[in-house]
Protein backbone atom coordinates (compact mmCIF):
# COMPACT_ATOMS: atom_id res chain seq x y z
CA UNK A 1 14.33 12.45 -15.54
CA UNK A 2 16.57 14.31 -13.02
CA UNK A 3 17.97 11.33 -11.30
CA UNK A 4 21.33 9.77 -11.84
CA UNK A 5 21.73 6.57 -13.76
CA UNK A 6 20.85 3.25 -12.10
CA UNK A 7 18.37 4.84 -9.70
CA UNK A 8 15.60 2.28 -9.02
CA UNK A 9 11.91 2.75 -8.16
CA UNK A 10 12.45 1.06 -4.80
CA UNK A 11 15.04 3.66 -3.87
CA UNK A 12 12.66 6.46 -4.82
CA UNK A 13 9.80 4.92 -2.81
CA UNK A 14 11.99 4.42 0.21
CA UNK A 15 13.20 8.06 0.02
CA UNK A 16 9.63 9.30 -0.16
CA UNK A 17 8.70 7.14 2.77
CA UNK A 18 11.52 8.55 4.90
CA UNK A 19 10.59 12.15 4.05
CA UNK A 20 6.93 11.41 4.88
CA UNK A 21 8.00 9.88 8.15
CA UNK A 22 9.84 13.02 9.13
CA UNK A 23 6.93 15.22 8.08
CA UNK A 24 4.35 13.17 10.11
CA UNK A 25 6.59 12.90 13.18
CA UNK A 26 7.11 16.62 13.11
CA UNK A 27 3.35 16.90 13.57
CA UNK A 28 3.36 14.56 16.62
CA UNK A 29 2.21 11.40 14.67
CA UNK A 30 3.87 8.07 15.58
CA UNK A 31 5.24 6.29 12.48
CA UNK A 32 6.25 2.61 12.12
CA UNK A 33 7.79 1.79 8.76
CA UNK A 34 7.75 -1.67 7.25
CA UNK A 35 11.32 -0.92 6.03
CA UNK A 36 13.77 1.86 6.80
CA UNK A 37 16.55 0.40 4.68
CA UNK A 38 16.72 -1.47 1.51
CA UNK A 39 15.19 -4.93 2.57
CA UNK A 40 12.40 -6.97 1.08
CA UNK A 41 9.46 -7.49 3.29
CA UNK A 42 7.13 -10.29 2.28
CA UNK A 43 3.65 -9.17 1.20
CA UNK A 44 1.90 -11.18 3.90
CA UNK A 45 4.14 -9.78 6.56
CA UNK A 46 3.55 -6.10 5.75
CA UNK A 47 0.21 -5.96 7.42
CA UNK A 48 1.56 -7.14 10.74
CA UNK A 49 3.32 -3.77 11.09
CA UNK A 50 -0.07 -2.19 11.58
CA UNK A 51 -0.75 -3.04 15.26
CA UNK A 52 -3.98 -2.77 17.18
CA UNK A 53 -3.50 0.95 17.83
CA UNK A 54 -2.62 1.61 14.14
CA UNK A 55 -4.93 4.16 12.49
CA UNK A 56 -3.46 4.08 8.94
CA UNK A 57 -1.56 1.70 6.80
CA UNK A 58 0.00 3.48 3.89
CA UNK A 59 1.96 1.79 1.00
CA UNK A 60 4.01 4.03 -1.37
CA UNK A 61 4.85 2.91 -4.79
CA UNK A 62 6.58 4.56 -7.80
CA UNK A 63 5.90 3.90 -11.38
CA UNK A 64 8.71 4.16 -13.90
CA UNK A 65 8.50 5.26 -17.56
CA UNK A 66 10.98 4.69 -20.34
CA UNK A 67 12.16 7.74 -22.18
CA UNK A 68 10.03 8.40 -25.29
CA UNK A 69 8.51 11.30 -27.22
CA UNK A 70 6.72 13.56 -24.75
CA UNK A 71 7.80 11.74 -21.53
CA UNK A 72 8.82 14.99 -19.96
CA UNK A 73 5.13 16.27 -19.99
CA UNK A 74 3.76 13.44 -17.85
CA UNK A 75 2.62 14.35 -14.37
CA UNK A 76 0.17 13.30 -11.73
CA UNK A 77 -0.41 10.66 -9.11
CA UNK A 78 -2.65 7.78 -8.37
CA UNK A 79 -4.42 6.90 -5.04
CA UNK A 80 -5.74 3.41 -4.45
CA UNK A 81 -7.42 1.97 -1.44
CA UNK A 82 -8.71 -1.44 -0.71
CA UNK A 83 -12.28 -1.92 -2.00
CA UNK A 84 -14.58 -4.29 -3.80
CA UNK A 85 -13.84 -4.23 -7.57
CA UNK A 86 -16.67 -2.65 -9.53
CA UNK A 87 -15.44 -2.89 -13.07
CA UNK A 88 -13.65 -5.62 -15.11
CA UNK A 89 -10.47 -3.55 -15.15
CA UNK A 90 -10.55 -3.05 -11.37
CA UNK A 91 -11.03 -6.88 -10.94
CA UNK A 92 -8.03 -7.51 -13.32
CA UNK A 93 -5.81 -5.22 -11.17
CA UNK A 94 -7.11 -6.69 -7.87
CA UNK A 95 -6.39 -10.27 -9.19
CA UNK A 96 -2.98 -9.19 -10.33
CA UNK A 97 -2.11 -7.63 -7.01
CA UNK A 98 -3.63 -10.48 -4.92
CA UNK A 99 -1.79 -13.16 -7.04
CA UNK A 100 1.33 -12.49 -4.97
CA UNK A 101 -0.54 -13.73 -1.83
CA UNK A 102 -0.43 -17.33 -3.18
CA UNK A 103 3.29 -17.30 -2.50
CA UNK A 104 2.70 -16.54 1.24
CA UNK A 105 2.89 -19.72 3.20
CA UNK A 106 1.89 -18.29 6.61
CA UNK A 107 -1.80 -17.51 5.93
CA UNK A 108 -4.61 -18.44 8.33
CA UNK A 109 -7.24 -21.08 7.65
CA UNK A 110 -10.02 -18.56 7.70
CA UNK A 111 -12.24 -20.89 9.88
CA UNK A 112 -13.90 -18.10 11.91
CA UNK A 113 -17.28 -18.61 13.53
CA UNK A 114 -20.34 -16.57 12.40
CA UNK A 115 -19.92 -13.87 14.99
CA UNK A 116 -16.33 -13.31 14.13
CA UNK A 117 -17.30 -13.10 10.46
CA UNK A 118 -19.90 -10.55 11.14
CA UNK A 119 -17.65 -8.37 13.35
CA UNK A 120 -14.83 -8.59 10.81
CA UNK A 121 -17.31 -7.61 7.97
CA UNK A 122 -18.46 -4.56 9.97
CA UNK A 123 -14.83 -3.51 10.71
CA UNK A 124 -13.86 -3.94 6.97
CA UNK A 125 -16.83 -1.70 5.87
CA UNK A 126 -15.76 1.00 8.30
CA UNK A 127 -12.25 0.75 7.05
CA UNK A 128 -13.47 1.00 3.36
CA UNK A 129 -15.46 4.09 4.25
CA UNK A 130 -12.62 5.76 6.03
CA UNK A 131 -10.10 4.84 3.13
CA UNK A 132 -12.48 6.31 0.60
CA UNK A 133 -12.39 9.56 2.55
CA UNK A 134 -8.69 9.62 2.84
CA UNK A 135 -8.09 8.74 -0.76
CA UNK A 136 -10.42 11.64 -1.85
């Protein structure tokens, strides 16, 4: 409500990302941003920014809200991390978010052998545990 007209969510998210980059770098943490200017990065390409030595992949989003009665009293934040959906609402949100992947043409075939599947599953479970701790 304090921003000038025509300010868009993507501009706010990018500004937050830049401020967070400065704060993390001041603590000696290396930061690689998917975008440092107003460019669109395809959903399937974003994960490639997290290299082998990447410890955290963070995605910043901003929700908008039209002016209405009581809108000045709204506050808070949401934290999400990738996990298995446990409720119908969580599954609905996951389906909506993942629906964008169908537009990505450069996706692997997924024909890994059994050992690769097991190793990937173990890795994913560890990432889920770490993500839950960070989100908390």
